[in-house]
Amino acid sequence: MTRNLWTAATAALLLCVSGAEAAPPANVTAALTAPSRSDADKARDAARKPAEMLEFSGVKPGDKVGELLPGGGYFTRLLSAAVGPNGKVYAAAPANDLEKAKAAAKGNVEVVALTPTSLGFPEPVDLIFTAQNYHDFHLKRLNLDVAAVNKRLYDALKPGGTLLIIDHAAVPGAPIEVADSLHRIDPAVVRREVEAAGFKFVGESNAVRNPSDPKTGNVFDPAIRGKTDQFVYKFQKPS
């Protein structure tokens, strides 16, 4: 009986420890549970896994964050809450999205204009965050020098800063042209390009992977939209 009780107590303790380790940081929890979060944003949480994304990014209270192409501001709002009143979020948007970004910006969020030749923030940042946008660097109509873009991202970070990239995965070995046709990119291409700019690959998260996605359809196809296989890569600028 004593041995059984000891075994049960040990198992319970391990379960408690495991649960404690799994709990997200307080600033991430605060961002997710903020009363100001809209029902529309909360409805997207199941697909976008914000707790996992924020925790993996390492965002901390007081951080300065540069967000590339914020879109509707889903992650902008979360990052704003996660860095708190002493932090700052610079939402970098192109001309066609600038007014939308400004309308959504509140509190510690500042919108900055983004152009192919001006890819930076008013001050060095701790974290650069971009979700479902890296493949856009390869769109034919933009004709970007991707190596130069990645070098600007490197220069915009503080030493030791983090670059987090979330994007739609293409099949391994897919040509870069799928950025235009499918709005996807081969993860290996991203890693190779970013490391070439001087970044160190830190790791990846599988939180938004979906092995059932054949990776052959356009991400806006209703059959796969919101259910694509996505990779999350974390890079660091050496200290």
C-alpha atoms as a PDB file:
ATOM      1  CA  MET A   1       0.000   0.000   0.000  1.00  0.00           C
ATOM      2  CA  THR A   2       2.792   2.401   0.937  1.00  0.00           C
ATOM      3  CA  ARG A   3       4.561   1.746  -2.356  1.00  0.00           C
ATOM      4  CA  ASN A   4       1.330   2.335  -4.289  1.00  0.00           C
ATOM      5  CA  LEU A   5       0.710   5.610  -2.460  1.00  0.00           C
ATOM      6  CA  TRP A   6       4.285   6.747  -3.175  1.00  0.00           C
ATOM      7  CA  THR A   7       3.904   5.884  -6.867  1.00  0.00           C
ATOM      8  CA  ALA A   8       0.618   7.763  -7.087  1.00  0.00           C
ATOM      9  CA  ALA A   9       2.046  10.797  -5.303  1.00  0.00           C
ATOM     10  CA  THR A  10       5.080  10.845  -7.588  1.00  0.00           C
ATOM     11  CA  ALA A  11       2.874  10.630 -10.670  1.00  0.00           C
ATOM     12  CA  ALA A  12       0.693  13.465  -9.417  1.00  0.00           C
ATOM     13  CA  LEU A  13       3.752  15.611  -8.725  1.00  0.00           C
ATOM     14  CA  LEU A  14       5.148  14.991 -12.214  1.00  0.00           C
ATOM     15  CA  LEU A  15       1.781  15.878 -13.720  1.00  0.00           C
ATOM     16  CA  CYS A  16       1.723  19.141 -11.782  1.00  0.00           C
ATOM     17  CA  VAL A  17       5.259  19.998 -12.847  1.00  0.00           C
ATOM     18  CA  SER A  18       4.443  19.179 -16.472  1.00  0.00           C
ATOM     19  CA  GLY A  19       1.349  21.364 -16.336  1.00  0.00           C
ATOM     20  CA  ALA A  20       3.315  24.227 -14.809  1.00  0.00           C
ATOM     21  CA  GLU A  21       5.936  24.009 -17.564  1.00  0.00           C
ATOM     22  CA  ALA A  22       3.199  24.051 -20.196  1.00  0.00           C
ATOM     23  CA  ALA A  23       1.656  27.277 -18.897  1.00  0.00           C
ATOM     24  CA  PRO A  24       2.485  30.252 -21.155  1.00  0.00           C
ATOM     25  CA  PRO A  25       4.286  33.307 -19.732  1.00  0.00           C
ATOM     26  CA  ALA A  26       2.113  35.811 -17.882  1.00  0.00           C
ATOM     27  CA  ASN A  27       2.380  38.460 -20.601  1.00  0.00           C
ATOM     28  CA  VAL A  28       1.178  35.965 -23.223  1.00  0.00           C
ATOM     29  CA  THR A  29      -1.757  34.926 -21.052  1.00  0.00           C
ATOM     30  CA  ALA A  30      -2.619  38.586 -20.490  1.00  0.00           C
ATOM     31  CA  ALA A  31      -2.548  39.252 -24.239  1.00  0.00           C
ATOM     32  CA  LEU A  32      -4.876  36.334 -24.959  1.00  0.00           C
ATOM     33  CA  THR A  33      -7.339  37.165 -22.196  1.00  0.00           C
ATOM     34  CA  ALA A  34      -7.433  40.937 -22.665  1.00  0.00           C
ATOM     35  CA  PRO A  35     -11.051  42.158 -22.360  1.00  0.00           C
ATOM     36  CA  SER A  36     -10.532  44.292 -25.454  1.00  0.00           C
ATOM     37  CA  ARG A  37     -10.042  41.270 -27.732  1.00  0.00           C
ATOM     38  CA  SER A  38     -12.831  41.012 -30.285  1.00  0.00           C
ATOM     39  CA  ASP A  39     -14.907  37.906 -30.907  1.00  0.00           C
ATOM     40  CA  ALA A  40     -13.631  37.941 -34.479  1.00  0.00           C
ATOM     41  CA  ASP A  41     -10.019  37.694 -33.281  1.00  0.00           C
ATOM     42  CA  LYS A  42     -10.847  34.979 -30.768  1.00  0.00           C
ATOM     43  CA  ALA A  43     -12.559  32.949 -33.492  1.00  0.00           C
ATOM     44  CA  ARG A  44      -9.245  32.791 -35.359  1.00  0.00           C
ATOM     45  CA  ASP A  45      -7.245  31.515 -32.391  1.00  0.00           C
ATOM     46  CA  ALA A  46      -7.852  27.821 -33.072  1.00  0.00           C
ATOM     47  CA  ALA A  47      -6.168  28.079 -36.465  1.00  0.00           C
ATOM     48  CA  ARG A  48      -3.474  30.639 -35.688  1.00  0.00           C
ATOM     49  CA  LYS A  49      -2.320  29.276 -32.291  1.00  0.00           C
ATOM     50  CA  PRO A  50      -1.412  32.691 -30.815  1.00  0.00           C
ATOM     51  CA  ALA A  51      -0.239  31.381 -27.434  1.00  0.00           C
ATOM     52  CA  GLU A  52       2.269  29.085 -29.090  1.00  0.00           C
ATOM     53  CA  MET A  53       3.386  31.748 -31.568  1.00  0.00           C
ATOM     54  CA  LEU A  54       3.945  34.447 -28.950  1.00  0.00           C
ATOM     55  CA  GLU A  55       5.688  32.110 -26.533  1.00  0.00           C
ATOM     56  CA  PHE A  56       7.948  30.710 -29.251  1.00  0.00           C
ATOM     57  CA  SER A  57       8.853  34.231 -30.374  1.00  0.00           C
ATOM     58  CA  GLY A  58      10.090  35.008 -26.865  1.00  0.00           C
ATOM     59  CA  VAL A  59       8.347  38.402 -26.787  1.00  0.00           C
ATOM     60  CA  LYS A  60       8.690  40.060 -23.369  1.00  0.00           C
ATOM     61  CA  PRO A  61       7.200  43.058 -21.563  1.00  0.00           C
ATOM     62  CA  GLY A  62       9.027  46.207 -22.592  1.00  0.00           C
ATOM     63  CA  ASP A  63      10.238  44.795 -25.913  1.00  0.00           C
ATOM     64  CA  LYS A  64      10.374  46.809 -29.110  1.00  0.00           C
ATOM     65  CA  VAL A  65       8.761  44.792 -31.912  1.00  0.00           C
ATOM     66  CA  GLY A  66       8.724  45.345 -35.656  1.00  0.00           C
ATOM     67  CA  GLU A  67       5.843  43.614 -37.421  1.00  0.00           C
ATOM     68  CA  LEU A  68       6.069  43.289 -41.190  1.00  0.00           C
ATOM     69  CA  LEU A  69       2.813  43.496 -43.167  1.00  0.00           C
ATOM     70  CA  PRO A  70       0.315  43.469 -40.282  1.00  0.00           C
ATOM     71  CA  GLY A  71      -2.749  42.961 -42.485  1.00  0.00           C
ATOM     72  CA  GLY A  72      -5.871  43.237 -40.382  1.00  0.00           C
ATOM     73  CA  GLY A  73      -3.867  43.574 -37.171  1.00  0.00           C
ATOM     74  CA  TYR A  74      -4.606  40.193 -35.575  1.00  0.00           C
ATOM     75  CA  PHE A  75      -1.032  39.694 -34.335  1.00  0.00           C
ATOM     76  CA  THR A  76      -0.453  43.444 -33.950  1.00  0.00           C
ATOM     77  CA  ARG A  77      -3.017  43.595 -31.166  1.00  0.00           C
ATOM     78  CA  LEU A  78      -1.588  40.525 -29.454  1.00  0.00           C
ATOM     79  CA  LEU A  79       1.974  41.801 -29.658  1.00  0.00           C
ATOM     80  CA  SER A  80       0.867  45.197 -28.352  1.00  0.00           C
ATOM     81  CA  ALA A  81      -0.625  43.592 -25.254  1.00  0.00           C
ATOM     82  CA  ALA A  82       2.319  41.201 -24.808  1.00  0.00           C
ATOM     83  CA  VAL A  83       4.944  43.989 -24.706  1.00  0.00           C
ATOM     84  CA  GLY A  84       2.790  46.091 -22.376  1.00  0.00           C
ATOM     85  CA  PRO A  85       2.768  49.846 -21.800  1.00  0.00           C
ATOM     86  CA  ASN A  86       6.551  50.088 -21.652  1.00  0.00           C
ATOM     87  CA  GLY A  87       6.967  48.300 -24.977  1.00  0.00           C
ATOM     88  CA  LYS A  88       6.381  49.366 -28.555  1.00  0.00           C
ATOM     89  CA  VAL A  89       5.072  47.762 -31.746  1.00  0.00           C
ATOM     90  CA  TYR A  90       6.024  49.216 -35.109  1.00  0.00           C
ATOM     91  CA  ALA A  91       3.563  47.965 -37.723  1.00  0.00           C
ATOM     92  CA  ALA A  92       5.247  48.261 -41.127  1.00  0.00           C
ATOM     93  CA  ALA A  93       2.669  48.439 -43.912  1.00  0.00           C
ATOM     94  CA  PRO A  94       2.862  49.225 -47.639  1.00  0.00           C
ATOM     95  CA  ALA A  95       1.094  52.238 -49.130  1.00  0.00           C
ATOM     96  CA  ASN A  96      -2.073  50.332 -50.062  1.00  0.00           C
ATOM     97  CA  ASP A  97      -2.507  49.083 -46.479  1.00  0.00           C
ATOM     98  CA  LEU A  98      -1.237  52.138 -44.637  1.00  0.00           C
ATOM     99  CA  GLU A  99      -4.597  53.706 -43.820  1.00  0.00           C
ATOM    100  CA  LYS A 100      -6.051  50.402 -42.659  1.00  0.00           C
ATOM    101  CA  ALA A 101      -3.067  49.885 -40.385  1.00  0.00           C
ATOM    102  CA  LYS A 102      -3.346  53.411 -38.994  1.00  0.00           C
ATOM    103  CA  ALA A 103      -7.045  52.920 -38.256  1.00  0.00           C
ATOM    104  CA  ALA A 104      -6.247  49.790 -36.254  1.00  0.00           C
ATOM    105  CA  ALA A 105      -3.253  51.265 -34.404  1.00  0.00           C
ATOM    106  CA  LYS A 106      -3.816  52.143 -30.758  1.00  0.00           C
ATOM    107  CA  GLY A 107      -1.755  52.807 -27.650  1.00  0.00           C
ATOM    108  CA  ASN A 108       1.790  51.551 -28.073  1.00  0.00           C
ATOM    109  CA  VAL A 109       1.401  50.727 -31.800  1.00  0.00           C
ATOM    110  CA  GLU A 110       2.986  53.025 -34.363  1.00  0.00           C
ATOM    111  CA  VAL A 111       2.485  52.506 -38.096  1.00  0.00           C
ATOM    112  CA  VAL A 112       5.511  52.979 -40.347  1.00  0.00           C
ATOM    113  CA  ALA A 113       5.546  53.121 -44.142  1.00  0.00           C
ATOM    114  CA  LEU A 114       7.058  50.105 -45.848  1.00  0.00           C
ATOM    115  CA  THR A 115       8.655  50.336 -49.294  1.00  0.00           C
ATOM    116  CA  PRO A 116      11.062  48.014 -51.141  1.00  0.00           C
ATOM    117  CA  THR A 117      13.939  50.402 -50.410  1.00  0.00           C
ATOM    118  CA  SER A 118      12.870  51.433 -46.919  1.00  0.00           C
ATOM    119  CA  LEU A 119      12.517  48.411 -44.713  1.00  0.00           C
ATOM    120  CA  GLY A 120      13.277  49.466 -41.182  1.00  0.00           C
ATOM    121  CA  PHE A 121      11.928  50.907 -37.964  1.00  0.00           C
ATOM    122  CA  PRO A 122      12.531  54.167 -36.051  1.00  0.00           C
ATOM    123  CA  GLU A 123      14.821  52.355 -33.609  1.00  0.00           C
ATOM    124  CA  PRO A 124      16.529  48.954 -33.324  1.00  0.00           C
ATOM    125  CA  VAL A 125      14.031  46.284 -32.275  1.00  0.00           C
ATOM    126  CA  ASP A 126      14.176  43.153 -30.142  1.00  0.00           C
ATOM    127  CA  LEU A 127      11.873  41.116 -32.369  1.00  0.00           C
ATOM    128  CA  ILE A 128      10.780  41.171 -35.996  1.00  0.00           C
ATOM    129  CA  PHE A 129       7.572  39.221 -36.523  1.00  0.00           C
ATOM    130  CA  THR A 130       5.946  38.375 -39.851  1.00  0.00           C
ATOM    131  CA  ALA A 131       3.082  35.952 -40.429  1.00  0.00           C
ATOM    132  CA  GLN A 132       2.210  34.454 -43.816  1.00  0.00           C
ATOM    133  CA  ASN A 133       4.131  37.117 -45.703  1.00  0.00           C
ATOM    134  CA  TYR A 134       7.711  36.054 -46.415  1.00  0.00           C
ATOM    135  CA  HIS A 135       6.699  34.398 -49.702  1.00  0.00           C
ATOM    136  CA  ASP A 136       5.523  37.839 -50.870  1.00  0.00           C
ATOM    137  CA  PHE A 137       9.153  38.926 -51.103  1.00  0.00           C
ATOM    138  CA  HIS A 138       9.326  36.687 -54.173  1.00  0.00           C
ATOM    139  CA  LEU A 139       6.255  37.990 -56.013  1.00  0.00           C
ATOM    140  CA  LYS A 140       7.210  38.881 -59.580  1.00  0.00           C
ATOM    141  CA  ARG A 141       5.311  42.151 -59.520  1.00  0.00           C
ATOM    142  CA  LEU A 142       7.436  43.406 -56.597  1.00  0.00           C
ATOM    143  CA  ASN A 143      10.766  42.516 -58.208  1.00  0.00           C
ATOM    144  CA  LEU A 144      12.555  42.640 -54.857  1.00  0.00           C
ATOM    145  CA  ASP A 145      16.178  41.928 -54.132  1.00  0.00           C
ATOM    146  CA  VAL A 146      15.404  39.398 -51.400  1.00  0.00           C
ATOM    147  CA  ALA A 147      19.013  39.237 -50.197  1.00  0.00           C
ATOM    148  CA  ALA A 148      18.968  43.005 -49.673  1.00  0.00           C
ATOM    149  CA  VAL A 149      15.611  42.790 -47.863  1.00  0.00           C
ATOM    150  CA  ASN A 150      16.952  40.188 -45.444  1.00  0.00           C
ATOM    151  CA  LYS A 151      20.048  42.279 -44.845  1.00  0.00           C
ATOM    152  CA  ARG A 152      17.809  45.226 -43.911  1.00  0.00           C
ATOM    153  CA  LEU A 153      15.922  43.003 -41.473  1.00  0.00           C
ATOM    154  CA  TYR A 154      19.257  41.963 -39.965  1.00  0.00           C
ATOM    155  CA  ASP A 155      20.336  45.573 -39.590  1.00  0.00           C
ATOM    156  CA  ALA A 156      16.996  46.557 -38.003  1.00  0.00           C
ATOM    157  CA  LEU A 157      17.434  44.120 -35.112  1.00  0.00           C
ATOM    158  CA  LYS A 158      19.390  44.652 -31.937  1.00  0.00           C
ATOM    159  CA  PRO A 159      22.313  42.242 -31.460  1.00  0.00           C
ATOM    160  CA  GLY A 160      20.790  39.051 -30.074  1.00  0.00           C
ATOM    161  CA  GLY A 161      17.381  39.991 -31.500  1.00  0.00           C
ATOM    162  CA  THR A 162      14.927  37.523 -32.983  1.00  0.00           C
ATOM    163  CA  LEU A 163      13.323  37.154 -36.416  1.00  0.00           C
ATOM    164  CA  LEU A 164      10.192  34.993 -36.423  1.00  0.00           C
ATOM    165  CA  ILE A 165       8.749  33.867 -39.759  1.00  0.00           C
ATOM    166  CA  ILE A 166       5.429  32.071 -40.149  1.00  0.00           C
ATOM    167  CA  ASP A 167       4.434  31.072 -43.682  1.00  0.00           C
ATOM    168  CA  HIS A 168       2.507  28.638 -45.858  1.00  0.00           C
ATOM    169  CA  ALA A 169       4.614  25.620 -46.793  1.00  0.00           C
ATOM    170  CA  ALA A 170       5.124  24.468 -50.363  1.00  0.00           C
ATOM    171  CA  VAL A 171       6.248  20.950 -51.222  1.00  0.00           C
ATOM    172  CA  PRO A 172       9.984  20.372 -50.749  1.00  0.00           C
ATOM    173  CA  GLY A 173      11.909  21.495 -53.803  1.00  0.00           C
ATOM    174  CA  ALA A 174       9.026  23.607 -55.144  1.00  0.00           C
ATOM    175  CA  PRO A 175      10.148  26.369 -57.529  1.00  0.00           C
ATOM    176  CA  ILE A 176      10.072  29.898 -56.221  1.00  0.00           C
ATOM    177  CA  GLU A 177       7.284  30.698 -58.717  1.00  0.00           C
ATOM    178  CA  VAL A 178       4.748  29.056 -56.375  1.00  0.00           C
ATOM    179  CA  ALA A 179       4.904  32.293 -54.374  1.00  0.00           C
ATOM    180  CA  ASP A 180       2.821  33.809 -57.184  1.00  0.00           C
ATOM    181  CA  SER A 181       0.664  30.832 -58.117  1.00  0.00           C
ATOM    182  CA  LEU A 182      -0.018  29.306 -54.688  1.00  0.00           C
ATOM    183  CA  HIS A 183       1.199  31.935 -52.167  1.00  0.00           C
ATOM    184  CA  ARG A 184       3.474  29.327 -50.629  1.00  0.00           C
ATOM    185  CA  ILE A 185       7.214  28.798 -50.291  1.00  0.00           C
ATOM    186  CA  ASP A 186       9.551  25.880 -49.652  1.00  0.00           C
ATOM    187  CA  PRO A 187      10.737  26.242 -46.027  1.00  0.00           C
ATOM    188  CA  ALA A 188      14.249  25.238 -47.077  1.00  0.00           C
ATOM    189  CA  VAL A 189      14.410  28.295 -49.335  1.00  0.00           C
ATOM    190  CA  VAL A 190      13.496  30.585 -46.447  1.00  0.00           C
ATOM    191  CA  ARG A 191      16.120  29.112 -44.166  1.00  0.00           C
ATOM    192  CA  ARG A 192      18.813  29.308 -46.821  1.00  0.00           C
ATOM    193  CA  GLU A 193      18.040  32.933 -47.691  1.00  0.00           C
ATOM    194  CA  VAL A 194      17.775  34.155 -44.105  1.00  0.00           C
ATOM    195  CA  GLU A 195      20.936  32.403 -42.962  1.00  0.00           C
ATOM    196  CA  ALA A 196      22.766  33.944 -45.935  1.00  0.00           C
ATOM    197  CA  ALA A 197      22.019  37.374 -44.412  1.00  0.00           C
ATOM    198  CA  GLY A 198      23.934  36.421 -41.251  1.00  0.00           C
ATOM    199  CA  PHE A 199      21.109  35.081 -39.096  1.00  0.00           C
ATOM    200  CA  LYS A 200      21.517  31.969 -36.963  1.00  0.00           C
ATOM    201  CA  PHE A 201      18.722  29.396 -37.176  1.00  0.00           C
ATOM    202  CA  VAL A 202      17.415  28.778 -33.648  1.00  0.00           C
ATOM    203  CA  GLY A 203      14.604  26.296 -34.195  1.00  0.00           C
ATOM    204  CA  GLU A 204      11.074  25.727 -35.403  1.00  0.00           C
ATOM    205  CA  SER A 205       7.597  25.222 -33.983  1.00  0.00           C
ATOM    206  CA  ASN A 206       5.187  22.612 -35.298  1.00  0.00           C
ATOM    207  CA  ALA A 207       2.142  24.262 -33.725  1.00  0.00           C
ATOM    208  CA  VAL A 208       0.551  25.206 -37.064  1.00  0.00           C
ATOM    209  CA  ARG A 209       1.719  22.279 -39.178  1.00  0.00           C
ATOM    210  CA  ASN A 210      -0.985  20.337 -40.995  1.00  0.00           C
ATOM    211  CA  PRO A 211       0.321  17.127 -42.607  1.00  0.00           C
ATOM    212  CA  SER A 212      -3.017  16.549 -44.343  1.00  0.00           C
ATOM    213  CA  ASP A 213      -2.478  19.618 -46.538  1.00  0.00           C
ATOM    214  CA  PRO A 214      -1.146  18.352 -49.916  1.00  0.00           C
ATOM    215  CA  LYS A 215       0.544  21.760 -50.375  1.00  0.00           C
ATOM    216  CA  THR A 216      -0.523  21.879 -54.019  1.00  0.00           C
ATOM    217  CA  GLY A 217      -3.454  24.294 -53.735  1.00  0.00           C
ATOM    218  CA  ASN A 218      -3.640  28.064 -53.538  1.00  0.00           C
ATOM    219  CA  VAL A 219      -3.890  29.133 -49.893  1.00  0.00           C
ATOM    220  CA  PHE A 220      -6.994  31.198 -50.701  1.00  0.00           C
ATOM    221  CA  ASP A 221      -8.874  28.168 -52.058  1.00  0.00           C
ATOM    222  CA  PRO A 222     -11.882  27.679 -49.724  1.00  0.00           C
ATOM    223  CA  ALA A 223     -11.032  23.974 -49.514  1.00  0.00           C
ATOM    224  CA  ILE A 224      -7.781  24.690 -47.673  1.00  0.00           C
ATOM    225  CA  ARG A 225      -7.982  28.300 -46.491  1.00  0.00           C
ATOM    226  CA  GLY A 226      -7.308  28.495 -42.758  1.00  0.00           C
ATOM    227  CA  LYS A 227      -6.031  24.902 -42.756  1.00  0.00           C
ATOM    228  CA  THR A 228      -2.748  25.161 -44.636  1.00  0.00           C
ATOM    229  CA  ASP A 229       0.440  23.495 -43.532  1.00  0.00           C
ATOM    230  CA  GLN A 230       2.534  26.301 -42.048  1.00  0.00           C
ATOM    231  CA  PHE A 231       6.090  26.388 -40.799  1.00  0.00           C
ATOM    232  CA  VAL A 232       7.399  28.646 -38.043  1.00  0.00           C
ATOM    233  CA  TYR A 233      11.109  29.439 -38.120  1.00  0.00           C
ATOM    234  CA  LYS A 234      12.996  31.342 -35.456  1.00  0.00           C
ATOM    235  CA  PHE A 235      16.278  33.075 -36.268  1.00  0.00           C
ATOM    236  CA  GLN A 236      18.638  35.166 -34.156  1.00  0.00           C
ATOM    237  CA  LYS A 237      21.028  37.983 -34.964  1.00  0.00           C
ATOM    238  CA  PRO A 238      24.264  37.009 -33.221  1.00  0.00           C
ATOM    239  CA  SER A 239      25.140  39.117 -30.185  1.00  0.00           C
END
